[in-house]
Amino acid sequence: MIDVSLKEIGEATQAALESHGAAPWVAAEVTAAVVEAEAVGNRICGLYYLESYCKQLVSGRVKGDVEPAVDRPRPGFIRVDGRMGFAQPAFARGLPEAVAAARENGTASLAVGHTHTCTSLGFFTAQIARAGLIGIGFTNASPIVAPPGGRSRVIGTNPIAFSVPDGQGGVAMQFDQSTTTVALGKITMAKAAGETIPEGWALDAEGRPTTDPEAALGGTLVSMGGHKGWGFGVMAELLAAGMTGGVNSLDVKPLKAPEGPPHDLGQFYLLVDPDCTDTFGARFAALAEAVAAEEGGRLPGQGKRHADPVTLDETLWAQVGELAAPKP
């Protein structure tokens, strides 16, 4: 293991993306997401994805030099066509207009379609919260979840994220979670490490509980809370695909495959202005006080700190160095 500063991670990520075809401003937006993920220990959304980003830039599976198209067909509906590029720059182009719409109308939606996977959904809802608004986000992914009692993959892990502003340009609370018991990346990482997974995470191809990550990848993941999690996953599916023009999970190919059709995924965000009422701040404060009164109690995301430097696997960091090296 090796300790690496966030500055070094950012510089290497930026260089790697640019050297494989990303425009500097696009690379900067993606780099910010990678650095944030590593800083908070979200390994499956950080450097873990960098190699596939680079390979897909070269193959054309993701476009690294496109300018997202933003329009506002309704007063409270902002739409972004990511043009098969990365999700981070597409969101960045649409956010100012969406914030303005939420301020004007009290609420607004931001539909980001035709993009690469967004990885950490909370990275985006946190930006909404830092703008002083409540942010709720939904996205979908490659199919890995069957309906309860079934075996056929229908939807993805389909994350949901929720961020609340603290009124001072920060985030008071946040959760970012898949609608399955665990994110798919934890299964793939367990397989790569030769480890087993806890029972309850996944089913094999025959619908039986398994602790073998390879069998899990050949089967399906389990919705959190059974039918309840399944319902949230379907809701995320309909909003992320139906409201953005992105594809259903059924049509998403493996996210890290170097070649193939673009991901063509969507993310759907709701922005709510808490200043529409004079009660939100007081209600939140009362809830936070009640939670804090319990020993060890905290609201989701509270107490999360950025690590700097970050401890990385030496093999992974060496790979990042190779990706960042100038091309002849």
C-alpha atoms as a PDB file:
ATOM      1  CA  MET A   1       0.000   0.000   0.000  1.00  0.00           C
ATOM      2  CA  ILE A   2       1.070   3.582  -0.647  1.00  0.00           C
ATOM      3  CA  ASP A   3      -0.110   7.002   0.564  1.00  0.00           C
ATOM      4  CA  VAL A   4      -0.966   9.421  -2.253  1.00  0.00           C
ATOM      5  CA  SER A   5      -2.184  13.015  -1.921  1.00  0.00           C
ATOM      6  CA  LEU A   6      -5.457  14.146  -3.466  1.00  0.00           C
ATOM      7  CA  LYS A   7      -3.463  16.641  -5.509  1.00  0.00           C
ATOM      8  CA  GLU A   8      -1.397  13.825  -7.032  1.00  0.00           C
ATOM      9  CA  ILE A   9      -4.525  11.773  -7.704  1.00  0.00           C
ATOM     10  CA  GLY A  10      -6.143  14.742  -9.424  1.00  0.00           C
ATOM     11  CA  GLU A  11      -3.123  15.558 -11.557  1.00  0.00           C
ATOM     12  CA  ALA A  12      -2.659  11.946 -12.647  1.00  0.00           C
ATOM     13  CA  THR A  13      -6.361  11.458 -13.414  1.00  0.00           C
ATOM     14  CA  GLN A  14      -6.515  14.671 -15.443  1.00  0.00           C
ATOM     15  CA  ALA A  15      -3.404  13.689 -17.405  1.00  0.00           C
ATOM     16  CA  ALA A  16      -4.688  10.170 -18.059  1.00  0.00           C
ATOM     17  CA  LEU A  17      -8.039  11.373 -19.374  1.00  0.00           C
ATOM     18  CA  GLU A  18      -6.516  14.060 -21.575  1.00  0.00           C
ATOM     19  CA  SER A  19      -3.895  11.703 -22.995  1.00  0.00           C
ATOM     20  CA  HIS A  20      -6.657   9.321 -24.063  1.00  0.00           C
ATOM     21  CA  GLY A  21      -8.743  11.951 -25.816  1.00  0.00           C
ATOM     22  CA  ALA A  22     -10.770  13.942 -23.280  1.00  0.00           C
ATOM     23  CA  ALA A  23     -10.962  17.716 -23.672  1.00  0.00           C
ATOM     24  CA  PRO A  24      -9.331  19.516 -20.725  1.00  0.00           C
ATOM     25  CA  TRP A  25     -12.594  20.911 -19.319  1.00  0.00           C
ATOM     26  CA  VAL A  26     -14.283  17.504 -19.636  1.00  0.00           C
ATOM     27  CA  ALA A  27     -11.339  15.780 -17.957  1.00  0.00           C
ATOM     28  CA  ALA A  28     -11.481  18.327 -15.131  1.00  0.00           C
ATOM     29  CA  GLU A  29     -15.139  17.559 -14.379  1.00  0.00           C
ATOM     30  CA  VAL A  30     -14.534  13.797 -14.350  1.00  0.00           C
ATOM     31  CA  THR A  31     -11.357  14.223 -12.305  1.00  0.00           C
ATOM     32  CA  ALA A  32     -13.255  16.133  -9.607  1.00  0.00           C
ATOM     33  CA  ALA A  33     -15.604  13.165  -9.225  1.00  0.00           C
ATOM     34  CA  VAL A  34     -12.740  10.659  -9.046  1.00  0.00           C
ATOM     35  CA  VAL A  35     -10.887  12.699  -6.416  1.00  0.00           C
ATOM     36  CA  GLU A  36     -14.044  13.144  -4.334  1.00  0.00           C
ATOM     37  CA  ALA A  37     -14.728   9.406  -4.410  1.00  0.00           C
ATOM     38  CA  GLU A  38     -11.204   8.557  -3.285  1.00  0.00           C
ATOM     39  CA  ALA A  39     -11.275  11.226  -0.577  1.00  0.00           C
ATOM     40  CA  VAL A  40     -14.363   9.731   1.086  1.00  0.00           C
ATOM     41  CA  GLY A  41     -13.301   6.108   0.629  1.00  0.00           C
ATOM     42  CA  ASN A  42     -15.757   5.299  -2.160  1.00  0.00           C
ATOM     43  CA  ARG A  43     -13.258   3.099  -3.965  1.00  0.00           C
ATOM     44  CA  ILE A  44     -15.635   1.639  -6.549  1.00  0.00           C
ATOM     45  CA  CYS A  45     -16.381   5.129  -7.941  1.00  0.00           C
ATOM     46  CA  GLY A  46     -12.818   6.453  -7.949  1.00  0.00           C
ATOM     47  CA  LEU A  47      -9.629   5.275  -9.622  1.00  0.00           C
ATOM     48  CA  TYR A  48     -11.209   1.842  -9.976  1.00  0.00           C
ATOM     49  CA  TYR A  49     -12.981   3.214 -13.072  1.00  0.00           C
ATOM     50  CA  LEU A  50     -10.089   5.167 -14.588  1.00  0.00           C
ATOM     51  CA  GLU A  51      -8.709   2.411 -16.806  1.00  0.00           C
ATOM     52  CA  SER A  52     -12.121   1.774 -18.347  1.00  0.00           C
ATOM     53  CA  TYR A  53     -12.648   5.511 -18.886  1.00  0.00           C
ATOM     54  CA  CYS A  54      -9.396   5.659 -20.820  1.00  0.00           C
ATOM     55  CA  LYS A  55     -10.051   2.539 -22.878  1.00  0.00           C
ATOM     56  CA  GLN A  56     -13.563   3.692 -23.742  1.00  0.00           C
ATOM     57  CA  LEU A  57     -12.291   7.118 -24.778  1.00  0.00           C
ATOM     58  CA  VAL A  58      -9.968   5.409 -27.251  1.00  0.00           C
ATOM     59  CA  SER A  59     -12.628   3.012 -28.568  1.00  0.00           C
ATOM     60  CA  GLY A  60     -15.218   5.778 -28.827  1.00  0.00           C
ATOM     61  CA  ARG A  61     -17.614   4.186 -26.390  1.00  0.00           C
ATOM     62  CA  VAL A  62     -17.573   7.515 -24.548  1.00  0.00           C
ATOM     63  CA  LYS A  63     -17.062  10.846 -26.301  1.00  0.00           C
ATOM     64  CA  GLY A  64     -14.502  13.012 -24.562  1.00  0.00           C
ATOM     65  CA  ASP A  65     -14.791  16.184 -26.612  1.00  0.00           C
ATOM     66  CA  VAL A  66     -18.523  16.847 -27.024  1.00  0.00           C
ATOM     67  CA  GLU A  67     -20.392  19.913 -25.799  1.00  0.00           C
ATOM     68  CA  PRO A  68     -23.623  18.962 -23.999  1.00  0.00           C
ATOM     69  CA  ALA A  69     -26.804  20.634 -25.269  1.00  0.00           C
ATOM     70  CA  VAL A  70     -29.002  22.334 -22.658  1.00  0.00           C
ATOM     71  CA  ASP A  71     -32.591  23.465 -23.154  1.00  0.00           C
ATOM     72  CA  ARG A  72     -35.584  24.430 -20.987  1.00  0.00           C
ATOM     73  CA  PRO A  73     -38.811  23.231 -22.633  1.00  0.00           C
ATOM     74  CA  ARG A  74     -40.889  24.026 -19.528  1.00  0.00           C
ATOM     75  CA  PRO A  75     -40.323  26.668 -16.798  1.00  0.00           C
ATOM     76  CA  GLY A  76     -39.327  24.020 -14.257  1.00  0.00           C
ATOM     77  CA  PHE A  77     -37.859  21.366 -16.544  1.00  0.00           C
ATOM     78  CA  ILE A  78     -34.223  21.550 -17.634  1.00  0.00           C
ATOM     79  CA  ARG A  79     -33.004  18.985 -20.153  1.00  0.00           C
ATOM     80  CA  VAL A  80     -29.425  18.122 -21.068  1.00  0.00           C
ATOM     81  CA  ASP A  81     -28.362  15.954 -23.993  1.00  0.00           C
ATOM     82  CA  GLY A  82     -24.948  14.617 -22.988  1.00  0.00           C
ATOM     83  CA  ARG A  83     -24.309  13.480 -26.584  1.00  0.00           C
ATOM     84  CA  MET A  84     -22.784  10.187 -25.375  1.00  0.00           C
ATOM     85  CA  GLY A  85     -20.140  11.957 -23.326  1.00  0.00           C
ATOM     86  CA  PHE A  86     -19.386  11.807 -19.619  1.00  0.00           C
ATOM     87  CA  ALA A  87     -22.160  12.522 -17.119  1.00  0.00           C
ATOM     88  CA  GLN A  88     -20.116  14.984 -15.045  1.00  0.00           C
ATOM     89  CA  PRO A  89     -19.677  17.699 -17.717  1.00  0.00           C
ATOM     90  CA  ALA A  90     -23.284  17.247 -18.860  1.00  0.00           C
ATOM     91  CA  PHE A  91     -24.506  17.873 -15.320  1.00  0.00           C
ATOM     92  CA  ALA A  92     -22.151  20.838 -14.942  1.00  0.00           C
ATOM     93  CA  ARG A  93     -23.618  22.487 -18.031  1.00  0.00           C
ATOM     94  CA  GLY A  94     -27.211  21.996 -16.848  1.00  0.00           C
ATOM     95  CA  LEU A  95     -26.873  22.795 -13.146  1.00  0.00           C
ATOM     96  CA  PRO A  96     -26.862  26.635 -13.291  1.00  0.00           C
ATOM     97  CA  GLU A  97     -30.056  26.691 -15.349  1.00  0.00           C
ATOM     98  CA  ALA A  98     -31.699  24.137 -13.037  1.00  0.00           C
ATOM     99  CA  VAL A  99     -30.764  26.130  -9.930  1.00  0.00           C
ATOM    100  CA  ALA A 100     -32.213  29.265 -11.484  1.00  0.00           C
ATOM    101  CA  ALA A 101     -35.423  27.414 -12.370  1.00  0.00           C
ATOM    102  CA  ALA A 102     -35.769  26.072  -8.814  1.00  0.00           C
ATOM    103  CA  ARG A 103     -35.292  29.559  -7.390  1.00  0.00           C
ATOM    104  CA  GLU A 104     -37.973  30.906  -9.724  1.00  0.00           C
ATOM    105  CA  ASN A 105     -40.517  28.115  -9.306  1.00  0.00           C
ATOM    106  CA  GLY A 106     -39.753  26.607  -5.912  1.00  0.00           C
ATOM    107  CA  THR A 107     -38.966  23.268  -7.511  1.00  0.00           C
ATOM    108  CA  ALA A 108     -37.345  22.142 -10.753  1.00  0.00           C
ATOM    109  CA  SER A 109     -36.180  18.973 -12.418  1.00  0.00           C
ATOM    110  CA  LEU A 110     -32.947  18.355 -14.277  1.00  0.00           C
ATOM    111  CA  ALA A 111     -33.009  15.514 -16.797  1.00  0.00           C
ATOM    112  CA  VAL A 112     -29.549  14.510 -18.013  1.00  0.00           C
ATOM    113  CA  GLY A 113     -29.688  11.990 -20.837  1.00  0.00           C
ATOM    114  CA  HIS A 114     -27.419  10.136 -23.254  1.00  0.00           C
ATOM    115  CA  THR A 115     -24.349   9.945 -21.026  1.00  0.00           C
ATOM    116  CA  HIS A 116     -21.771   7.581 -19.654  1.00  0.00           C
ATOM    117  CA  THR A 117     -22.316   6.122 -16.184  1.00  0.00           C
ATOM    118  CA  CYS A 118     -22.270   8.799 -13.494  1.00  0.00           C
ATOM    119  CA  THR A 119     -20.730   6.453 -10.861  1.00  0.00           C
ATOM    120  CA  SER A 120     -21.350   8.295  -7.550  1.00  0.00           C
ATOM    121  CA  LEU A 121     -24.805   9.892  -7.692  1.00  0.00           C
ATOM    122  CA  GLY A 122     -24.221  11.749  -4.426  1.00  0.00           C
ATOM    123  CA  PHE A 123     -21.419  13.697  -6.095  1.00  0.00           C
ATOM    124  CA  PHE A 124     -24.146  15.467  -8.068  1.00  0.00           C
ATOM    125  CA  THR A 125     -26.839  15.914  -5.411  1.00  0.00           C
ATOM    126  CA  ALA A 126     -24.170  17.377  -3.119  1.00  0.00           C
ATOM    127  CA  GLN A 127     -23.567  20.110  -5.698  1.00  0.00           C
ATOM    128  CA  ILE A 128     -27.269  20.906  -5.626  1.00  0.00           C
ATOM    129  CA  ALA A 129     -27.145  21.153  -1.824  1.00  0.00           C
ATOM    130  CA  ARG A 130     -24.097  23.399  -1.914  1.00  0.00           C
ATOM    131  CA  ALA A 131     -26.148  25.699  -4.144  1.00  0.00           C
ATOM    132  CA  GLY A 132     -28.643  25.968  -1.261  1.00  0.00           C
ATOM    133  CA  LEU A 133     -31.253  23.534  -2.581  1.00  0.00           C
ATOM    134  CA  ILE A 134     -32.471  20.087  -1.578  1.00  0.00           C
ATOM    135  CA  GLY A 135     -31.256  17.598  -4.195  1.00  0.00           C
ATOM    136  CA  ILE A 136     -32.716  14.193  -5.020  1.00  0.00           C
ATOM    137  CA  GLY A 137     -31.181  12.054  -7.757  1.00  0.00           C
ATOM    138  CA  PHE A 138     -31.949   8.827  -9.591  1.00  0.00           C
ATOM    139  CA  THR A 139     -30.079   6.762 -12.176  1.00  0.00           C
ATOM    140  CA  ASN A 140     -30.074   3.279 -13.646  1.00  0.00           C
ATOM    141  CA  ALA A 141     -27.403   0.823 -14.753  1.00  0.00           C
ATOM    142  CA  SER A 142     -26.757  -2.474 -16.521  1.00  0.00           C
ATOM    143  CA  PRO A 143     -29.338  -5.156 -15.629  1.00  0.00           C
ATOM    144  CA  ILE A 144     -28.469  -7.281 -12.602  1.00  0.00           C
ATOM    145  CA  VAL A 145     -31.697  -7.353 -10.534  1.00  0.00           C
ATOM    146  CA  ALA A 146     -34.673  -9.653 -10.997  1.00  0.00           C
ATOM    147  CA  PRO A 147     -38.157  -8.998  -9.643  1.00  0.00           C
ATOM    148  CA  PRO A 148     -38.670 -10.655  -6.231  1.00  0.00           C
ATOM    149  CA  GLY A 149     -39.244 -14.334  -6.885  1.00  0.00           C
ATOM    150  CA  GLY A 150     -37.881 -14.132 -10.426  1.00  0.00           C
ATOM    151  CA  ARG A 151     -34.562 -14.966 -12.103  1.00  0.00           C
ATOM    152  CA  SER A 152     -34.435 -12.709 -15.166  1.00  0.00           C
ATOM    153  CA  ARG A 153     -32.446  -9.475 -14.890  1.00  0.00           C
ATOM    154  CA  VAL A 154     -34.728  -6.519 -15.474  1.00  0.00           C
ATOM    155  CA  ILE A 155     -33.249  -3.447 -13.776  1.00  0.00           C
ATOM    156  CA  GLY A 156     -29.870  -2.296 -12.488  1.00  0.00           C
ATOM    157  CA  THR A 157     -28.701  -1.449  -8.981  1.00  0.00           C
ATOM    158  CA  ASN A 158     -30.434   1.891  -9.690  1.00  0.00           C
ATOM    159  CA  PRO A 159     -29.070   4.255  -7.021  1.00  0.00           C
ATOM    160  CA  ILE A 160     -30.946   7.026  -5.250  1.00  0.00           C
ATOM    161  CA  ALA A 161     -29.217   9.994  -3.581  1.00  0.00           C
ATOM    162  CA  PHE A 162     -30.553  12.744  -1.320  1.00  0.00           C
ATOM    163  CA  SER A 163     -28.662  15.843  -0.148  1.00  0.00           C
ATOM    164  CA  VAL A 164     -29.764  18.662   2.163  1.00  0.00           C
ATOM    165  CA  PRO A 165     -28.082  22.087   2.326  1.00  0.00           C
ATOM    166  CA  ASP A 166     -26.743  23.451   5.600  1.00  0.00           C
ATOM    167  CA  GLY A 167     -27.522  27.051   4.688  1.00  0.00           C
ATOM    168  CA  GLN A 168     -23.836  27.971   4.628  1.00  0.00           C
ATOM    169  CA  GLY A 169     -22.768  26.550   1.287  1.00  0.00           C
ATOM    170  CA  GLY A 170     -22.274  23.026   2.592  1.00  0.00           C
ATOM    171  CA  VAL A 171     -24.142  19.741   2.957  1.00  0.00           C
ATOM    172  CA  ALA A 172     -26.028  19.066   6.196  1.00  0.00           C
ATOM    173  CA  MET A 173     -26.875  15.442   5.418  1.00  0.00           C
ATOM    174  CA  GLN A 174     -26.674  13.063   2.497  1.00  0.00           C
ATOM    175  CA  PHE A 175     -27.234   9.479   1.544  1.00  0.00           C
ATOM    176  CA  ASP A 176     -26.247   7.814  -1.701  1.00  0.00           C
ATOM    177  CA  GLN A 177     -27.184   4.176  -2.040  1.00  0.00           C
ATOM    178  CA  SER A 178     -28.084   1.522  -4.526  1.00  0.00           C
ATOM    179  CA  THR A 179     -31.572   0.053  -4.314  1.00  0.00           C
ATOM    180  CA  THR A 180     -29.967  -3.363  -3.975  1.00  0.00           C
ATOM    181  CA  THR A 181     -28.511  -4.705  -0.747  1.00  0.00           C
ATOM    182  CA  VAL A 182     -25.051  -3.850  -2.058  1.00  0.00           C
ATOM    183  CA  ALA A 183     -23.532  -2.096  -5.058  1.00  0.00           C
ATOM    184  CA  LEU A 184     -22.399  -4.268  -7.970  1.00  0.00           C
ATOM    185  CA  GLY A 185     -18.849  -2.956  -7.650  1.00  0.00           C
ATOM    186  CA  LYS A 186     -18.454  -4.626  -4.273  1.00  0.00           C
ATOM    187  CA  ILE A 187     -19.226  -7.972  -5.895  1.00  0.00           C
ATOM    188  CA  THR A 188     -16.685  -7.438  -8.682  1.00  0.00           C
ATOM    189  CA  MET A 189     -14.051  -6.265  -6.196  1.00  0.00           C
ATOM    190  CA  ALA A 190     -14.640  -9.346  -4.038  1.00  0.00           C
ATOM    191  CA  LYS A 191     -14.194 -11.557  -7.083  1.00  0.00           C
ATOM    192  CA  ALA A 192     -10.957  -9.799  -8.037  1.00  0.00           C
ATOM    193  CA  ALA A 193      -9.646 -10.211  -4.482  1.00  0.00           C
ATOM    194  CA  GLY A 194     -10.626 -13.887  -4.315  1.00  0.00           C
ATOM    195  CA  GLU A 195     -12.986 -13.230  -1.410  1.00  0.00           C
ATOM    196  CA  THR A 196     -16.448 -14.519  -0.597  1.00  0.00           C
ATOM    197  CA  ILE A 197     -19.456 -12.250  -0.136  1.00  0.00           C
ATOM    198  CA  PRO A 198     -21.990 -12.275   2.705  1.00  0.00           C
ATOM    199  CA  GLU A 199     -25.147 -14.308   2.227  1.00  0.00           C
ATOM    200  CA  GLY A 200     -28.067 -12.060   1.384  1.00  0.00           C
ATOM    201  CA  TRP A 201     -26.263  -9.975  -1.203  1.00  0.00           C
ATOM    202  CA  ALA A 202     -26.996 -12.074  -4.268  1.00  0.00           C
ATOM    203  CA  LEU A 203     -28.570 -15.147  -5.830  1.00  0.00           C
ATOM    204  CA  ASP A 204     -27.002 -17.543  -8.324  1.00  0.00           C
ATOM    205  CA  ALA A 205     -28.442 -18.308 -11.748  1.00  0.00           C
ATOM    206  CA  GLU A 206     -30.837 -20.811 -10.186  1.00  0.00           C
ATOM    207  CA  GLY A 207     -32.196 -18.271  -7.729  1.00  0.00           C
ATOM    208  CA  ARG A 208     -30.378 -19.691  -4.706  1.00  0.00           C
ATOM    209  CA  PRO A 209     -28.532 -17.526  -2.141  1.00  0.00           C
ATOM    210  CA  THR A 210     -24.779 -17.550  -2.771  1.00  0.00           C
ATOM    211  CA  THR A 211     -21.570 -16.350  -1.144  1.00  0.00           C
ATOM    212  CA  ASP A 212     -19.547 -16.887  -4.326  1.00  0.00           C
ATOM    213  CA  PRO A 213     -19.040 -13.561  -6.174  1.00  0.00           C
ATOM    214  CA  GLU A 214     -18.613 -15.332  -9.515  1.00  0.00           C
ATOM    215  CA  ALA A 215     -21.936 -17.112  -9.054  1.00  0.00           C
ATOM    216  CA  ALA A 216     -23.476 -13.805  -8.019  1.00  0.00           C
ATOM    217  CA  LEU A 217     -22.253 -12.137 -11.204  1.00  0.00           C
ATOM    218  CA  GLY A 218     -23.854 -14.948 -13.161  1.00  0.00           C
ATOM    219  CA  GLY A 219     -27.080 -14.543 -11.227  1.00  0.00           C
ATOM    220  CA  THR A 220     -28.813 -11.514  -9.732  1.00  0.00           C
ATOM    221  CA  LEU A 221     -28.413  -9.058  -6.872  1.00  0.00           C
ATOM    222  CA  VAL A 222     -31.018  -8.809  -4.129  1.00  0.00           C
ATOM    223  CA  SER A 223     -33.154  -5.669  -3.744  1.00  0.00           C
ATOM    224  CA  MET A 224     -32.747  -4.060  -0.327  1.00  0.00           C
ATOM    225  CA  GLY A 225     -35.718  -4.932   1.851  1.00  0.00           C
ATOM    226  CA  GLY A 226     -37.178  -7.239  -0.756  1.00  0.00           C
ATOM    227  CA  HIS A 227     -40.279  -5.805  -2.411  1.00  0.00           C
ATOM    228  CA  LYS A 228     -39.678  -2.379  -0.847  1.00  0.00           C
ATOM    229  CA  GLY A 229     -36.267  -1.986  -2.433  1.00  0.00           C
ATOM    230  CA  TRP A 230     -37.595  -3.383  -5.679  1.00  0.00           C
ATOM    231  CA  GLY A 231     -40.209  -0.621  -5.738  1.00  0.00           C
ATOM    232  CA  PHE A 232     -37.556   2.071  -5.260  1.00  0.00           C
ATOM    233  CA  GLY A 233     -35.459   0.475  -7.998  1.00  0.00           C
ATOM    234  CA  VAL A 234     -38.360   0.532 -10.447  1.00  0.00           C
ATOM    235  CA  MET A 235     -39.091   4.175  -9.552  1.00  0.00           C
ATOM    236  CA  ALA A 236     -35.468   5.096 -10.259  1.00  0.00           C
ATOM    237  CA  GLU A 237     -35.636   3.156 -13.537  1.00  0.00           C
ATOM    238  CA  LEU A 238     -38.704   5.002 -14.790  1.00  0.00           C
ATOM    239  CA  LEU A 239     -37.355   8.441 -13.893  1.00  0.00           C
ATOM    240  CA  ALA A 240     -33.787   7.837 -15.089  1.00  0.00           C
ATOM    241  CA  ALA A 241     -34.786   6.290 -18.410  1.00  0.00           C
ATOM    242  CA  GLY A 242     -38.277   7.584 -19.072  1.00  0.00           C
ATOM    243  CA  MET A 243     -37.675  11.245 -18.211  1.00  0.00           C
ATOM    244  CA  THR A 244     -34.245  11.633 -19.834  1.00  0.00           C
ATOM    245  CA  GLY A 245     -34.357   9.650 -23.072  1.00  0.00           C
ATOM    246  CA  GLY A 246     -31.699   7.266 -21.755  1.00  0.00           C
ATOM    247  CA  VAL A 247     -32.136   3.541 -22.248  1.00  0.00           C
ATOM    248  CA  ASN A 248     -33.748   1.059 -19.903  1.00  0.00           C
ATOM    249  CA  SER A 249     -31.390  -1.070 -17.852  1.00  0.00           C
ATOM    250  CA  LEU A 250     -32.346  -3.984 -20.098  1.00  0.00           C
ATOM    251  CA  ASP A 251     -30.445  -2.300 -22.952  1.00  0.00           C
ATOM    252  CA  VAL A 252     -27.323  -1.221 -21.040  1.00  0.00           C
ATOM    253  CA  LYS A 253     -24.237  -3.271 -21.858  1.00  0.00           C
ATOM    254  CA  PRO A 254     -21.519  -4.041 -19.254  1.00  0.00           C
ATOM    255  CA  LEU A 255     -20.307  -0.673 -18.004  1.00  0.00           C
ATOM    256  CA  LYS A 256     -16.578  -1.377 -17.910  1.00  0.00           C
ATOM    257  CA  ALA A 257     -16.281  -3.214 -21.228  1.00  0.00           C
ATOM    258  CA  PRO A 258     -13.706  -1.327 -23.328  1.00  0.00           C
ATOM    259  CA  GLU A 259     -15.721  -1.550 -26.534  1.00  0.00           C
ATOM    260  CA  GLY A 260     -19.368  -1.641 -27.481  1.00  0.00           C
ATOM    261  CA  PRO A 261     -22.257   0.793 -27.765  1.00  0.00           C
ATOM    262  CA  PRO A 262     -22.278   3.937 -25.585  1.00  0.00           C
ATOM    263  CA  HIS A 263     -23.834   3.540 -22.158  1.00  0.00           C
ATOM    264  CA  ASP A 264     -26.622   5.997 -23.106  1.00  0.00           C
ATOM    265  CA  LEU A 265     -27.700   6.324 -19.478  1.00  0.00           C
ATOM    266  CA  GLY A 266     -29.784   9.025 -17.843  1.00  0.00           C
ATOM    267  CA  GLN A 267     -29.877  10.756 -14.474  1.00  0.00           C
ATOM    268  CA  PHE A 268     -32.921  12.561 -13.168  1.00  0.00           C
ATOM    269  CA  TYR A 269     -32.692  15.183 -10.428  1.00  0.00           C
ATOM    270  CA  LEU A 270     -35.279  17.052  -8.395  1.00  0.00           C
ATOM    271  CA  LEU A 271     -34.268  20.422  -6.942  1.00  0.00           C
ATOM    272  CA  VAL A 272     -36.334  21.906  -4.119  1.00  0.00           C
ATOM    273  CA  ASP A 273     -35.862  25.376  -2.639  1.00  0.00           C
ATOM    274  CA  PRO A 274     -36.235  25.120   1.166  1.00  0.00           C
ATOM    275  CA  ASP A 275     -36.754  28.883   1.286  1.00  0.00           C
ATOM    276  CA  CYS A 276     -40.255  28.333  -0.109  1.00  0.00           C
ATOM    277  CA  THR A 277     -41.303  27.830   3.505  1.00  0.00           C
ATOM    278  CA  ASP A 278     -40.114  29.255   6.801  1.00  0.00           C
ATOM    279  CA  THR A 279     -40.441  25.902   8.558  1.00  0.00           C
ATOM    280  CA  PHE A 280     -37.855  23.699   6.858  1.00  0.00           C
ATOM    281  CA  GLY A 281     -34.825  24.938   8.793  1.00  0.00           C
ATOM    282  CA  ALA A 282     -36.550  24.607  12.156  1.00  0.00           C
ATOM    283  CA  ARG A 283     -37.858  21.129  11.413  1.00  0.00           C
ATOM    284  CA  PHE A 284     -34.453  19.955  10.253  1.00  0.00           C
ATOM    285  CA  ALA A 285     -32.764  21.422  13.329  1.00  0.00           C
ATOM    286  CA  ALA A 286     -35.228  19.653  15.639  1.00  0.00           C
ATOM    287  CA  LEU A 287     -34.636  16.345  13.899  1.00  0.00           C
ATOM    288  CA  ALA A 288     -30.854  16.761  13.961  1.00  0.00           C
ATOM    289  CA  GLU A 289     -30.965  17.621  17.672  1.00  0.00           C
ATOM    290  CA  ALA A 290     -33.039  14.526  18.467  1.00  0.00           C
ATOM    291  CA  VAL A 291     -30.660  12.284  16.532  1.00  0.00           C
ATOM    292  CA  ALA A 292     -27.579  13.815  18.154  1.00  0.00           C
ATOM    293  CA  ALA A 293     -29.075  13.201  21.606  1.00  0.00           C
ATOM    294  CA  GLU A 294     -28.748   9.459  21.019  1.00  0.00           C
ATOM    295  CA  GLU A 295     -25.345   7.999  21.796  1.00  0.00           C
ATOM    296  CA  GLY A 296     -23.590   7.367  18.492  1.00  0.00           C
ATOM    297  CA  GLY A 297     -26.520   8.820  16.580  1.00  0.00           C
ATOM    298  CA  ARG A 298     -25.977  10.833  13.416  1.00  0.00           C
ATOM    299  CA  LEU A 299     -27.837  11.791  10.308  1.00  0.00           C
ATOM    300  CA  PRO A 300     -26.752  10.133   7.036  1.00  0.00           C
ATOM    301  CA  GLY A 301     -23.451  11.525   5.829  1.00  0.00           C
ATOM    302  CA  GLN A 302     -22.755  13.540   8.970  1.00  0.00           C
ATOM    303  CA  GLY A 303     -19.213  13.285  10.234  1.00  0.00           C
ATOM    304  CA  LYS A 304     -17.830  12.173   6.886  1.00  0.00           C
ATOM    305  CA  ARG A 305     -14.349  13.612   6.411  1.00  0.00           C
ATOM    306  CA  HIS A 306     -12.061  13.854   3.406  1.00  0.00           C
ATOM    307  CA  ALA A 307      -8.863  11.841   3.735  1.00  0.00           C
ATOM    308  CA  ASP A 308      -5.680  13.390   2.374  1.00  0.00           C
ATOM    309  CA  PRO A 309      -3.452  11.568   1.640  1.00  0.00           C
ATOM    310  CA  VAL A 310      -5.333   8.438   0.580  1.00  0.00           C
ATOM    311  CA  THR A 311      -3.961   4.932   0.997  1.00  0.00           C
ATOM    312  CA  LEU A 312      -3.960   3.123  -2.343  1.00  0.00           C
ATOM    313  CA  ASP A 313      -2.964  -0.278  -3.597  1.00  0.00           C
ATOM    314  CA  GLU A 314       0.490   0.075  -5.169  1.00  0.00           C
ATOM    315  CA  THR A 315      -0.508  -1.906  -8.247  1.00  0.00           C
ATOM    316  CA  LEU A 316      -3.476   0.391  -8.849  1.00  0.00           C
ATOM    317  CA  TRP A 317      -1.344   3.522  -8.453  1.00  0.00           C
ATOM    318  CA  ALA A 318       1.261   2.122 -10.843  1.00  0.00           C
ATOM    319  CA  GLN A 319      -1.514   1.514 -13.380  1.00  0.00           C
ATOM    320  CA  VAL A 320      -2.685   5.122 -12.967  1.00  0.00           C
ATOM    321  CA  GLY A 321       0.882   6.283 -13.651  1.00  0.00           C
ATOM    322  CA  GLU A 322       0.990   4.267 -16.848  1.00  0.00           C
ATOM    323  CA  LEU A 323      -2.344   5.705 -17.984  1.00  0.00           C
ATOM    324  CA  ALA A 324      -1.137   9.238 -17.252  1.00  0.00           C
ATOM    325  CA  ALA A 325       2.180   8.868 -19.058  1.00  0.00           C
ATOM    326  CA  PRO A 326       2.435  10.956 -22.246  1.00  0.00           C
ATOM    327  CA  LYS A 327       1.634   9.004 -25.392  1.00  0.00           C
ATOM    328  CA  PRO A 328       4.378   8.841 -28.067  1.00  0.00           C
END
